[in-house]
Amino acid sequence: EAAGGGGGGHEGGGDHTEEAELDEERSEVYAVLFPWFAEIVGVFVYYVSSRYAHAIPYTAVMFVIGALIGISVHYAPNNAITSSAATWIGIEGEVILLVFLPGLLYLDSYN
């Protein structure tokens, strides 16, 4: 029983690490959510601007939406979108360039 009691105390510490692992897994899931959300917003804005608002530049609208999402990370209540955006904000710019730039250059080499 003493070993079982000691195991119970150890399990309490294990629960803390399990909770931290669950939080890390949730943040990984949230990291996948933001690119999909941004793509859906981009398609929606492109559709609306091409059909109804020809005079408003698409890139300017996307810049404003991106700025609002960036501000909401700091001031809005914590939800799935803001958690995902916060994960992406923490990534260094060099890493994003190293990941996406080769594909963009390859695509431009054909056009």
N, C-alpha and C. Protein backbone atom coordinates (compact mmCIF):
# COMPACT_ATOMS: atom_id res chain seq x y z
N GLU A 1 0.82 -1.19 0.00
CA GLU A 1 0.00 0.00 0.00
C GLU A 1 0.86 1.25 0.00
N ALA A 2 2.01 1.16 0.66
CA ALA A 2 2.89 2.32 0.69
C ALA A 2 3.37 2.65 -0.73
N ALA A 3 3.64 1.59 -1.50
CA ALA A 3 4.07 1.83 -2.88
C ALA A 3 2.92 2.43 -3.69
N GLY A 4 1.70 1.96 -3.39
CA GLY A 4 0.54 2.51 -4.09
C GLY A 4 0.34 3.96 -3.71
N GLY A 5 0.54 4.30 -2.42
CA GLY A 5 0.38 5.69 -1.98
C GLY A 5 1.43 6.57 -2.62
N GLY A 6 2.66 6.06 -2.72
CA GLY A 6 3.72 6.83 -3.36
C GLY A 6 3.42 7.01 -4.84
N GLY A 7 2.82 5.98 -5.44
CA GLY A 7 2.45 6.07 -6.85
C GLY A 7 1.36 7.11 -7.05
N GLY A 8 0.47 7.22 -6.04
CA GLY A 8 -0.60 8.22 -6.15
C GLY A 8 -0.03 9.62 -6.15
N GLY A 9 1.00 9.85 -5.30
CA GLY A 9 1.64 11.16 -5.29
C GLY A 9 2.37 11.43 -6.60
N HIS A 10 2.97 10.38 -7.14
CA HIS A 10 3.68 10.52 -8.40
C HIS A 10 2.70 10.78 -9.54
N GLU A 11 1.52 10.16 -9.44
CA GLU A 11 0.52 10.38 -10.48
C GLU A 11 0.08 11.84 -10.51
N GLY A 12 0.03 12.47 -9.34
CA GLY A 12 -0.33 13.89 -9.29
C GLY A 12 0.65 14.71 -10.10
N GLY A 13 1.95 14.41 -9.97
CA GLY A 13 2.95 15.08 -10.77
C GLY A 13 2.81 14.71 -12.23
N GLY A 14 2.42 13.46 -12.47
CA GLY A 14 2.20 13.00 -13.83
C GLY A 14 1.02 13.73 -14.47
N ASP A 15 0.00 14.02 -13.65
CA ASP A 15 -1.15 14.74 -14.18
C ASP A 15 -0.74 16.13 -14.65
N HIS A 16 0.19 16.75 -13.89
CA HIS A 16 0.64 18.08 -14.28
C HIS A 16 1.36 18.03 -15.63
N THR A 17 2.21 17.02 -15.82
CA THR A 17 2.91 16.91 -17.10
C THR A 17 1.95 16.49 -18.20
N GLU A 18 0.96 15.67 -17.86
CA GLU A 18 -0.03 15.29 -18.86
C GLU A 18 -0.85 16.51 -19.27
N GLU A 19 -1.16 17.37 -18.31
CA GLU A 19 -1.90 18.59 -18.62
C GLU A 19 -1.07 19.49 -19.53
N ALA A 20 0.22 19.60 -19.27
CA ALA A 20 1.09 20.41 -20.12
C ALA A 20 1.18 19.81 -21.52
N GLU A 21 1.22 18.48 -21.61
CA GLU A 21 1.26 17.83 -22.92
C GLU A 21 -0.05 18.06 -23.68
N LEU A 22 -1.17 18.02 -22.97
CA LEU A 22 -2.46 18.29 -23.61
C LEU A 22 -2.53 19.72 -24.12
N ASP A 23 -2.02 20.66 -23.33
CA ASP A 23 -1.99 22.06 -23.77
C ASP A 23 -1.12 22.21 -25.02
N GLU A 24 0.01 21.51 -25.05
CA GLU A 24 0.89 21.57 -26.21
C GLU A 24 0.21 20.97 -27.43
N GLU A 25 -0.51 19.86 -27.25
CA GLU A 25 -1.23 19.25 -28.37
C GLU A 25 -2.33 20.17 -28.87
N ARG A 26 -3.01 20.85 -27.96
CA ARG A 26 -4.05 21.80 -28.37
C ARG A 26 -3.44 22.94 -29.18
N SER A 27 -2.28 23.44 -28.75
CA SER A 27 -1.66 24.53 -29.50
C SER A 27 -1.21 24.05 -30.87
N GLU A 28 -0.80 22.79 -31.00
CA GLU A 28 -0.43 22.26 -32.30
C GLU A 28 -1.65 22.18 -33.21
N VAL A 29 -2.80 21.78 -32.66
CA VAL A 29 -4.02 21.75 -33.45
C VAL A 29 -4.42 23.15 -33.84
N TYR A 30 -4.30 24.09 -32.92
CA TYR A 30 -4.63 25.48 -33.23
C TYR A 30 -3.69 26.05 -34.29
N ALA A 31 -2.46 25.60 -34.32
CA ALA A 31 -1.51 26.10 -35.31
C ALA A 31 -1.96 25.73 -36.72
N VAL A 32 -2.64 24.62 -36.87
CA VAL A 32 -3.15 24.20 -38.18
C VAL A 32 -4.41 24.99 -38.54
N LEU A 33 -5.13 25.45 -37.55
CA LEU A 33 -6.39 26.15 -37.78
C LEU A 33 -6.20 27.50 -38.47
N PHE A 34 -5.21 28.27 -38.08
CA PHE A 34 -5.06 29.63 -38.60
C PHE A 34 -4.82 29.71 -40.11
N PRO A 35 -3.93 28.89 -40.69
CA PRO A 35 -3.77 28.97 -42.15
C PRO A 35 -5.07 28.67 -42.91
N TRP A 36 -5.84 27.72 -42.42
CA TRP A 36 -7.13 27.41 -43.06
C TRP A 36 -8.10 28.57 -42.91
N PHE A 37 -8.12 29.15 -41.73
CA PHE A 37 -8.99 30.30 -41.50
C PHE A 37 -8.60 31.46 -42.41
N ALA A 38 -7.31 31.72 -42.51
CA ALA A 38 -6.83 32.82 -43.36
C ALA A 38 -7.16 32.56 -44.82
N GLU A 39 -7.06 31.31 -45.26
CA GLU A 39 -7.38 30.99 -46.64
C GLU A 39 -8.87 31.16 -46.92
N ILE A 40 -9.71 30.75 -45.99
CA ILE A 40 -11.16 30.91 -46.16
C ILE A 40 -11.52 32.40 -46.19
N VAL A 41 -10.92 33.18 -45.31
CA VAL A 41 -11.18 34.63 -45.30
C VAL A 41 -10.71 35.24 -46.62
N GLY A 42 -9.55 34.82 -47.11
CA GLY A 42 -9.03 35.35 -48.37
C GLY A 42 -9.92 35.02 -49.55
N VAL A 43 -10.44 33.80 -49.61
CA VAL A 43 -11.34 33.42 -50.69
C VAL A 43 -12.63 34.23 -50.61
N PHE A 44 -13.15 34.38 -49.40
CA PHE A 44 -14.38 35.16 -49.22
C PHE A 44 -14.19 36.61 -49.63
N VAL A 45 -13.08 37.21 -49.21
CA VAL A 45 -12.80 38.62 -49.56
C VAL A 45 -12.61 38.75 -51.06
N TYR A 46 -11.91 37.81 -51.67
CA TYR A 46 -11.71 37.86 -53.12
C TYR A 46 -13.05 37.75 -53.85
N TYR A 47 -13.91 36.86 -53.40
CA TYR A 47 -15.22 36.69 -54.04
C TYR A 47 -16.05 37.97 -53.92
N VAL A 48 -16.10 38.54 -52.72
CA VAL A 48 -16.91 39.75 -52.52
C VAL A 48 -16.32 40.92 -53.29
N SER A 49 -15.00 41.07 -53.25
CA SER A 49 -14.40 42.21 -53.94
C SER A 49 -14.49 42.08 -55.46
N SER A 50 -14.43 40.88 -55.98
CA SER A 50 -14.53 40.71 -57.44
C SER A 50 -15.96 40.87 -57.94
N ARG A 51 -16.93 40.59 -57.10
CA ARG A 51 -18.33 40.69 -57.52
C ARG A 51 -18.95 42.06 -57.24
N TYR A 52 -18.66 42.60 -56.06
CA TYR A 52 -19.42 43.76 -55.60
C TYR A 52 -18.60 45.02 -55.35
N ALA A 53 -17.33 44.88 -55.03
CA ALA A 53 -16.54 46.05 -54.65
C ALA A 53 -15.27 46.11 -55.50
N HIS A 54 -15.41 46.48 -56.76
CA HIS A 54 -14.27 46.51 -57.68
C HIS A 54 -13.26 47.60 -57.33
N ALA A 55 -13.72 48.67 -56.72
CA ALA A 55 -12.84 49.81 -56.47
C ALA A 55 -11.92 49.60 -55.27
N ILE A 56 -12.23 48.66 -54.41
CA ILE A 56 -11.42 48.44 -53.21
C ILE A 56 -10.34 47.40 -53.53
N PRO A 57 -9.07 47.73 -53.33
CA PRO A 57 -8.00 46.77 -53.63
C PRO A 57 -8.02 45.58 -52.66
N TYR A 58 -7.87 44.40 -53.22
CA TYR A 58 -7.89 43.16 -52.44
C TYR A 58 -6.77 43.14 -51.40
N THR A 59 -5.56 43.55 -51.79
CA THR A 59 -4.43 43.49 -50.85
C THR A 59 -4.62 44.45 -49.68
N ALA A 60 -5.25 45.60 -49.92
CA ALA A 60 -5.50 46.54 -48.83
C ALA A 60 -6.50 45.96 -47.84
N VAL A 61 -7.53 45.31 -48.35
CA VAL A 61 -8.53 44.68 -47.46
C VAL A 61 -7.88 43.56 -46.65
N MET A 62 -7.06 42.75 -47.30
CA MET A 62 -6.40 41.66 -46.58
C MET A 62 -5.41 42.19 -45.53
N PHE A 63 -4.76 43.31 -45.84
CA PHE A 63 -3.87 43.94 -44.86
C PHE A 63 -4.65 44.38 -43.62
N VAL A 64 -5.78 45.01 -43.84
CA VAL A 64 -6.60 45.49 -42.72
C VAL A 64 -7.12 44.31 -41.90
N ILE A 65 -7.57 43.25 -42.57
CA ILE A 65 -8.06 42.07 -41.85
C ILE A 65 -6.92 41.43 -41.05
N GLY A 66 -5.73 41.34 -41.65
CA GLY A 66 -4.58 40.80 -40.93
C GLY A 66 -4.20 41.63 -39.73
N ALA A 67 -4.26 42.95 -39.87
CA ALA A 67 -3.96 43.83 -38.74
C ALA A 67 -4.99 43.65 -37.63
N LEU A 68 -6.25 43.52 -38.01
CA LEU A 68 -7.30 43.30 -37.00
C LEU A 68 -7.12 41.96 -36.28
N ILE A 69 -6.72 40.94 -37.01
CA ILE A 69 -6.47 39.64 -36.37
C ILE A 69 -5.27 39.76 -35.43
N GLY A 70 -4.22 40.46 -35.86
CA GLY A 70 -3.05 40.65 -35.00
C GLY A 70 -3.37 41.42 -33.74
N ILE A 71 -4.21 42.44 -33.86
CA ILE A 71 -4.62 43.20 -32.67
C ILE A 71 -5.51 42.36 -31.77
N SER A 72 -6.38 41.56 -32.39
CA SER A 72 -7.30 40.75 -31.58
C SER A 72 -6.56 39.69 -30.76
N VAL A 73 -5.38 39.29 -31.20
CA VAL A 73 -4.61 38.32 -30.42
C VAL A 73 -4.27 38.87 -29.04
N HIS A 74 -4.01 40.16 -28.98
CA HIS A 74 -3.61 40.77 -27.71
C HIS A 74 -4.78 41.27 -26.88
N TYR A 75 -5.87 41.65 -27.52
CA TYR A 75 -6.95 42.31 -26.78
C TYR A 75 -8.25 41.51 -26.70
N ALA A 76 -8.47 40.56 -27.59
CA ALA A 76 -9.72 39.80 -27.59
C ALA A 76 -9.62 38.63 -26.62
N PRO A 77 -10.76 38.09 -26.21
CA PRO A 77 -10.73 36.91 -25.35
C PRO A 77 -10.05 35.75 -26.08
N ASN A 78 -9.48 34.86 -25.31
CA ASN A 78 -8.74 33.74 -25.86
C ASN A 78 -9.72 32.72 -26.44
N ASN A 79 -9.65 32.50 -27.75
CA ASN A 79 -10.44 31.47 -28.40
C ASN A 79 -9.55 30.72 -29.38
N ALA A 80 -10.12 29.85 -30.19
CA ALA A 80 -9.32 29.01 -31.08
C ALA A 80 -8.56 29.85 -32.11
N ILE A 81 -9.20 30.84 -32.69
CA ILE A 81 -8.55 31.64 -33.74
C ILE A 81 -7.41 32.47 -33.16
N THR A 82 -7.65 33.13 -32.02
CA THR A 82 -6.59 33.95 -31.44
C THR A 82 -5.44 33.09 -30.92
N SER A 83 -5.74 31.89 -30.41
CA SER A 83 -4.66 30.99 -29.97
C SER A 83 -3.82 30.54 -31.16
N SER A 84 -4.49 30.24 -32.27
CA SER A 84 -3.77 29.83 -33.46
C SER A 84 -2.93 30.96 -34.03
N ALA A 85 -3.50 32.16 -34.07
CA ALA A 85 -2.76 33.31 -34.58
C ALA A 85 -1.56 33.62 -33.68
N ALA A 86 -1.74 33.47 -32.37
CA ALA A 86 -0.63 33.71 -31.44
C ALA A 86 0.51 32.72 -31.68
N THR A 87 0.17 31.49 -32.04
CA THR A 87 1.20 30.50 -32.36
C THR A 87 1.99 30.93 -33.59
N TRP A 88 1.30 31.44 -34.60
CA TRP A 88 1.97 31.87 -35.82
C TRP A 88 2.75 33.16 -35.62
N ILE A 89 2.29 34.03 -34.74
CA ILE A 89 3.01 35.27 -34.47
C ILE A 89 4.36 34.97 -33.84
N GLY A 90 4.42 33.89 -33.06
CA GLY A 90 5.66 33.52 -32.39
C GLY A 90 6.73 32.97 -33.30
N ILE A 91 6.39 32.63 -34.54
CA ILE A 91 7.37 32.06 -35.48
C ILE A 91 8.21 33.19 -36.06
N GLU A 92 9.50 32.96 -36.16
CA GLU A 92 10.39 33.98 -36.72
C GLU A 92 10.17 34.13 -38.22
N GLY A 93 10.33 35.34 -38.72
CA GLY A 93 10.11 35.63 -40.12
C GLY A 93 11.04 34.87 -41.06
N GLU A 94 12.27 34.62 -40.62
CA GLU A 94 13.23 33.90 -41.45
C GLU A 94 12.76 32.48 -41.73
N VAL A 95 12.13 31.87 -40.74
CA VAL A 95 11.64 30.50 -40.91
C VAL A 95 10.52 30.47 -41.94
N ILE A 96 9.62 31.43 -41.88
CA ILE A 96 8.53 31.48 -42.84
C ILE A 96 9.08 31.70 -44.25
N LEU A 97 10.08 32.58 -44.39
CA LEU A 97 10.69 32.79 -45.70
C LEU A 97 11.38 31.53 -46.21
N LEU A 98 12.09 30.83 -45.33
CA LEU A 98 12.78 29.61 -45.75
C LEU A 98 11.80 28.52 -46.17
N VAL A 99 10.62 28.51 -45.59
CA VAL A 99 9.64 27.48 -45.94
C VAL A 99 8.89 27.85 -47.22
N PHE A 100 8.43 29.08 -47.35
CA PHE A 100 7.56 29.45 -48.45
C PHE A 100 8.27 30.03 -49.67
N LEU A 101 9.41 30.65 -49.50
CA LEU A 101 10.07 31.31 -50.62
C LEU A 101 10.49 30.36 -51.74
N PRO A 102 11.06 29.19 -51.46
CA PRO A 102 11.42 28.30 -52.58
C PRO A 102 10.24 27.93 -53.46
N GLY A 103 9.09 27.65 -52.86
CA GLY A 103 7.91 27.33 -53.65
C GLY A 103 7.43 28.50 -54.47
N LEU A 104 7.48 29.69 -53.90
CA LEU A 104 7.05 30.88 -54.63
C LEU A 104 7.98 31.18 -55.80
N LEU A 105 9.29 31.03 -55.58
CA LEU A 105 10.25 31.25 -56.66
C LEU A 105 10.09 30.20 -57.76
N TYR A 106 9.83 28.97 -57.36
CA TYR A 106 9.64 27.91 -58.34
C TYR A 106 8.40 28.21 -59.18
N LEU A 107 7.32 28.65 -58.54
CA LEU A 107 6.10 28.99 -59.26
C LEU A 107 6.33 30.16 -60.21
N ASP A 108 7.05 31.18 -59.77
CA ASP A 108 7.32 32.33 -60.63
C ASP A 108 8.25 32.01 -61.79
N SER A 109 9.07 30.99 -61.66
CA SER A 109 9.98 30.65 -62.74
C SER A 109 9.25 30.11 -63.97
N TYR A 110 8.03 29.61 -63.77
CA TYR A 110 7.24 29.13 -64.89
C TYR A 110 6.40 30.20 -65.53
N ASN A 111 6.17 31.29 -64.84
CA ASN A 111 5.30 32.35 -65.39
C ASN A 111 6.08 33.41 -66.07
